[in-house]
Amino acid sequence: MPNRTPAARSTLLFITLMLLIPTGSAASTIMSEGEFPELVPDDPAAIYIWNVPLKLVLLDFVFMIAPLLFLPVQILISVLAWLCLGYRRISRKNALEHDTRHAAYLCIRDNPGINHSTLSHMLGVNVGTLRYHLETLCETGQIVSEHDHGLLRYYANSRAASEGEKTGYTLNGTRKLILDLLGRNPGMTRKEVASALDIAGASVTWHTALLAREGTIRSEKDGRVVRYFPWRDAVSRTNRDVDATG
């Protein structure tokens, strides 16, 4: 009977943590307006425990219970995933194919030295999910991190940035799609735009922020959501560009 006590305590602690994590995760996605007025605290996108990769949940649990086992468990999980599920290698060439990683990279490239918390607020991405994608970007050499007075700041790798400039037409194409969509359906929300174009919400947030800065679109609060409207001259200019390119 005494041997079962530690196991029972560990099980109870694990269940308690699982019950607490959803509330914390949901609260962490509440965003402030600040530099990006289209992000309002009244329209959070809650991320619960089942939305977070299992690897991150297990590693966080191990780090809190037994920090010394963090690295061995991380290696073990990677090996087991490779053996059981197969392994799709994420490299420099395909790391930016994921919408959230792509948006995070663009934000870091245009805001060198940005920290994790600010990046999470700007993109509207859950802290835990963003941490995973930032680790992937660091591992593939797309970005580099640097400690600065207790903060971890991120910078775009110079080589990756030069390669990203060559694919700028893709980003420009995304913004044209958003502008064209808003021209046909003014007043759409971020979620509606993401669903219509089948892209991540973080990408919509980033591209609409750039369009708003350029004066191409405007945002209006409608109750608990923010709706986007294009300026008429911007839509006309886009249509002329499309006609000219044929």
Protein backbone atom coordinates (compact mmCIF):
# COMPACT_ATOMS: atom_id res chain seq x y z
CA MET A 1 0.00 0.00 0.00
CA PRO A 2 2.75 2.56 0.78
CA ASN A 3 4.22 1.94 -2.69
CA ARG A 4 1.01 3.10 -4.32
CA THR A 5 0.99 6.49 -2.57
CA PRO A 6 3.58 8.23 -4.82
CA ALA A 7 1.88 6.94 -7.95
CA ALA A 8 -1.51 8.13 -6.72
CA ARG A 9 -0.12 11.55 -5.90
CA SER A 10 1.51 11.86 -9.32
CA THR A 11 -1.73 10.85 -11.03
CA LEU A 12 -3.73 13.38 -9.01
CA LEU A 13 -1.21 16.13 -9.81
CA PHE A 14 -1.32 15.32 -13.52
CA ILE A 15 -5.15 15.46 -13.59
CA THR A 16 -5.12 18.77 -11.72
CA LEU A 17 -2.65 20.27 -14.21
CA MET A 18 -4.75 19.10 -17.15
CA LEU A 19 -7.78 20.86 -15.66
CA LEU A 20 -5.85 24.08 -15.12
CA ILE A 21 -4.11 24.30 -18.50
CA PRO A 22 -7.23 25.04 -20.65
CA THR A 23 -8.12 28.11 -18.59
CA GLY A 24 -4.60 29.48 -18.77
CA SER A 25 -4.29 28.80 -22.45
CA ALA A 26 -7.54 30.53 -23.25
CA ALA A 27 -6.60 33.56 -21.21
CA SER A 28 -3.20 33.85 -22.85
CA THR A 29 -4.76 34.56 -26.25
CA ILE A 30 -6.47 37.78 -25.20
CA MET A 31 -4.79 40.47 -27.26
CA SER A 32 -4.35 44.19 -26.82
CA GLU A 33 -5.00 46.73 -29.54
CA GLY A 34 -1.76 48.71 -29.45
CA GLU A 35 -0.08 48.92 -32.82
CA PHE A 36 -2.62 46.63 -34.48
CA PRO A 37 -6.14 48.08 -33.97
CA GLU A 38 -7.74 45.12 -35.72
CA LEU A 39 -6.91 42.92 -32.71
CA VAL A 40 -9.43 43.50 -29.92
CA PRO A 41 -9.62 41.86 -26.46
CA ASP A 42 -13.30 41.07 -27.06
CA ASP A 43 -12.56 38.67 -29.92
CA PRO A 44 -10.13 36.09 -28.53
CA ALA A 45 -9.40 32.78 -30.24
CA ALA A 46 -9.16 30.42 -27.27
CA ILE A 47 -6.75 27.52 -27.60
CA TYR A 48 -7.43 24.63 -25.23
CA ILE A 49 -5.32 21.67 -24.21
CA TRP A 50 -6.52 19.51 -27.10
CA ASN A 51 -5.38 22.20 -29.58
CA VAL A 52 -1.80 22.15 -28.29
CA PRO A 53 0.59 19.54 -29.74
CA LEU A 54 0.84 16.52 -27.42
CA LYS A 55 4.62 16.81 -27.47
CA LEU A 56 4.45 20.27 -25.88
CA VAL A 57 1.98 19.13 -23.21
CA LEU A 58 4.18 16.20 -22.19
CA LEU A 59 7.36 18.26 -22.19
CA ASP A 60 5.79 21.01 -20.07
CA PHE A 61 4.58 18.40 -17.59
CA VAL A 62 8.01 16.77 -17.37
CA PHE A 63 9.72 20.15 -17.00
CA MET A 64 7.51 21.02 -14.00
CA ILE A 65 7.84 17.62 -12.33
CA ALA A 66 11.43 16.61 -13.12
CA PRO A 67 13.45 19.28 -14.98
CA LEU A 68 16.52 17.02 -15.25
CA LEU A 69 14.53 14.57 -17.36
CA PHE A 70 13.41 17.25 -19.84
CA LEU A 71 16.11 16.61 -22.47
CA PRO A 72 16.03 12.77 -22.27
CA VAL A 73 12.23 12.74 -22.54
CA GLN A 74 12.35 15.14 -25.50
CA ILE A 75 14.77 12.84 -27.31
CA LEU A 76 12.66 9.79 -26.44
CA ILE A 77 9.46 11.40 -27.76
CA SER A 78 11.16 12.37 -31.02
CA VAL A 79 12.53 8.85 -31.52
CA LEU A 80 9.17 7.21 -30.75
CA ALA A 81 7.33 9.57 -33.10
CA TRP A 82 9.83 8.80 -35.84
CA LEU A 83 9.53 5.03 -35.35
CA CYS A 84 5.74 4.87 -34.93
CA LEU A 85 4.42 7.62 -37.19
CA GLY A 86 7.17 8.11 -39.71
CA TYR A 87 9.25 11.26 -40.04
CA ARG A 88 8.66 14.11 -42.45
CA ARG A 89 11.79 16.17 -42.29
CA ILE A 90 11.21 19.90 -41.97
CA SER A 91 14.02 21.70 -43.76
CA ARG A 92 14.84 25.25 -44.80
CA LYS A 93 13.01 24.65 -48.09
CA ASN A 94 9.65 23.64 -46.61
CA ALA A 95 9.69 25.28 -43.15
CA LEU A 96 7.77 28.31 -44.41
CA GLU A 97 5.08 26.27 -46.14
CA HIS A 98 3.10 26.32 -42.88
CA ASP A 99 0.94 29.47 -42.70
CA THR A 100 1.61 30.22 -39.02
CA ARG A 101 5.38 29.76 -39.37
CA HIS A 102 5.32 31.90 -42.49
CA ALA A 103 3.47 34.71 -40.71
CA ALA A 104 5.80 34.49 -37.70
CA TYR A 105 8.87 34.68 -39.94
CA LEU A 106 7.55 37.73 -41.80
CA CYS A 107 6.76 39.50 -38.53
CA ILE A 108 10.25 38.77 -37.16
CA ARG A 109 11.89 39.89 -40.40
CA ASP A 110 10.05 43.22 -40.33
CA ASN A 111 10.44 43.66 -36.55
CA PRO A 112 13.99 42.52 -35.71
CA GLY A 113 14.52 41.91 -32.00
CA ILE A 114 10.86 41.19 -31.26
CA ASN A 115 10.23 39.03 -28.19
CA HIS A 116 7.98 36.00 -27.78
CA SER A 117 5.13 37.76 -25.95
CA THR A 118 4.86 40.66 -28.39
CA LEU A 119 4.97 38.29 -31.36
CA SER A 120 2.16 36.22 -29.84
CA HIS A 121 -0.03 39.32 -29.43
CA MET A 122 0.68 40.64 -32.91
CA LEU A 123 -0.15 37.35 -34.63
CA GLY A 124 -2.94 36.26 -32.31
CA VAL A 125 -1.30 32.86 -31.84
CA ASN A 126 -1.31 30.87 -28.60
CA VAL A 127 1.97 31.11 -26.68
CA GLY A 128 2.56 27.35 -26.58
CA THR A 129 1.83 26.85 -30.27
CA LEU A 130 4.02 29.80 -31.22
CA ARG A 131 6.89 28.41 -29.15
CA TYR A 132 6.82 25.20 -31.17
CA HIS A 133 6.90 27.05 -34.50
CA LEU A 134 9.70 29.36 -33.36
CA GLU A 135 11.78 26.35 -32.34
CA THR A 136 11.22 24.89 -35.80
CA LEU A 137 12.28 28.14 -37.47
CA CYS A 138 15.42 28.25 -35.33
CA GLU A 139 16.28 24.61 -36.07
CA THR A 140 15.93 25.16 -39.82
CA GLY A 141 18.02 28.34 -39.75
CA GLN A 142 15.24 30.71 -40.78
CA ILE A 143 15.62 32.81 -37.62
CA VAL A 144 18.10 33.19 -34.76
CA SER A 145 17.43 33.96 -31.09
CA GLU A 146 19.40 36.09 -28.66
CA HIS A 147 19.11 36.64 -24.91
CA ASP A 148 18.78 40.30 -23.92
CA HIS A 149 18.36 41.15 -20.22
CA GLY A 150 16.12 38.18 -19.51
CA LEU A 151 14.19 38.38 -22.78
CA LEU A 152 14.63 36.09 -25.75
CA ARG A 153 14.62 38.17 -28.92
CA TYR A 154 14.33 36.88 -32.47
CA TYR A 155 15.97 38.00 -35.71
CA ALA A 156 15.65 36.79 -39.28
CA ASN A 157 18.68 34.93 -40.55
CA SER A 158 20.39 37.14 -43.14
CA ARG A 159 20.60 34.32 -45.67
CA ALA A 160 16.98 33.31 -45.11
CA ALA A 161 15.85 36.93 -45.45
CA SER A 162 17.57 37.27 -48.84
CA GLU A 163 15.92 34.05 -49.99
CA GLY A 164 12.57 35.31 -48.73
CA GLU A 165 12.85 38.42 -50.88
CA LYS A 166 12.96 36.20 -53.97
CA THR A 167 9.55 34.76 -53.07
CA GLY A 168 7.95 38.12 -52.35
CA TYR A 169 5.40 37.60 -55.12
CA THR A 170 3.70 34.94 -52.97
CA LEU A 171 3.12 37.40 -50.13
CA ASN A 172 1.96 40.09 -52.52
CA GLY A 173 -0.40 37.55 -54.05
CA THR A 174 -1.92 36.77 -50.65
CA ARG A 175 -2.63 40.43 -49.98
CA LYS A 176 -4.17 40.80 -53.43
CA LEU A 177 -6.46 37.86 -52.70
CA ILE A 178 -7.53 39.43 -49.40
CA LEU A 179 -8.15 42.81 -51.02
CA ASP A 180 -10.11 41.24 -53.87
CA LEU A 181 -12.19 39.22 -51.39
CA LEU A 182 -12.98 42.32 -49.33
CA GLY A 183 -13.87 44.19 -52.52
CA ARG A 184 -16.51 41.57 -53.27
CA ASN A 185 -17.56 41.05 -49.65
CA PRO A 186 -16.84 44.18 -47.60
CA GLY A 187 -17.18 43.89 -43.84
CA MET A 188 -15.73 40.39 -43.45
CA THR A 189 -14.08 39.40 -40.16
CA ARG A 190 -10.67 37.79 -39.75
CA LYS A 191 -12.21 34.35 -39.27
CA GLU A 192 -14.35 34.74 -42.38
CA VAL A 193 -11.36 35.79 -44.49
CA ALA A 194 -9.27 32.89 -43.18
CA SER A 195 -12.07 30.43 -43.95
CA ALA A 196 -12.73 31.81 -47.44
CA LEU A 197 -9.05 31.73 -48.47
CA ASP A 198 -8.19 28.59 -46.49
CA ILE A 199 -5.24 30.19 -44.71
CA ALA A 200 -4.29 30.51 -41.05
CA GLY A 201 -5.76 33.29 -38.93
CA ALA A 202 -2.25 34.47 -38.10
CA SER A 203 -1.57 35.06 -41.80
CA VAL A 204 -4.77 37.06 -42.15
CA THR A 205 -3.82 39.17 -39.13
CA TRP A 206 -0.39 39.93 -40.52
CA HIS A 207 -1.45 40.75 -44.08
CA THR A 208 -4.47 42.85 -43.04
CA ALA A 209 -2.18 44.81 -40.69
CA LEU A 210 0.13 45.59 -43.62
CA LEU A 211 -2.82 46.56 -45.81
CA ALA A 212 -4.14 48.85 -43.07
CA ARG A 213 -0.73 50.50 -42.67
CA GLU A 214 -0.62 51.15 -46.41
CA GLY A 215 -4.08 52.71 -46.27
CA THR A 216 -5.49 50.01 -48.53
CA ILE A 217 -8.16 48.80 -46.11
CA ARG A 218 -9.78 50.08 -42.94
CA SER A 219 -11.17 48.29 -39.90
CA GLU A 220 -14.34 48.98 -37.93
CA LYS A 221 -15.48 47.52 -34.63
CA ASP A 222 -18.87 45.87 -34.77
CA GLY A 223 -19.79 44.74 -31.29
CA ARG A 224 -17.30 42.06 -30.32
CA VAL A 225 -15.70 41.64 -33.74
CA VAL A 226 -13.68 43.75 -36.16
CA ARG A 227 -14.74 44.03 -39.77
CA TYR A 228 -12.56 45.02 -42.72
CA PHE A 229 -13.50 47.31 -45.58
CA PRO A 230 -11.39 48.22 -48.63
CA TRP A 231 -10.88 51.77 -49.80
CA ARG A 232 -12.46 52.17 -53.24
CA ASP A 233 -9.39 53.66 -54.87
CA ALA A 234 -7.30 50.71 -53.68
CA VAL A 235 -9.73 48.22 -55.24
CA SER A 236 -9.74 50.17 -58.51
CA ARG A 237 -5.95 50.27 -58.54
CA THR A 238 -5.76 46.52 -57.97
CA ASN A 239 -8.22 45.86 -60.80
CA ARG A 240 -6.14 48.01 -63.15
CA ASP A 241 -3.01 46.07 -62.22
CA VAL A 242 -4.78 42.78 -62.92
CA ASP A 243 -6.04 44.03 -66.30
CA ALA A 244 -2.57 45.28 -67.23
CA THR A 245 -0.94 41.94 -66.45
CA GLY A 246 -3.62 40.17 -68.36
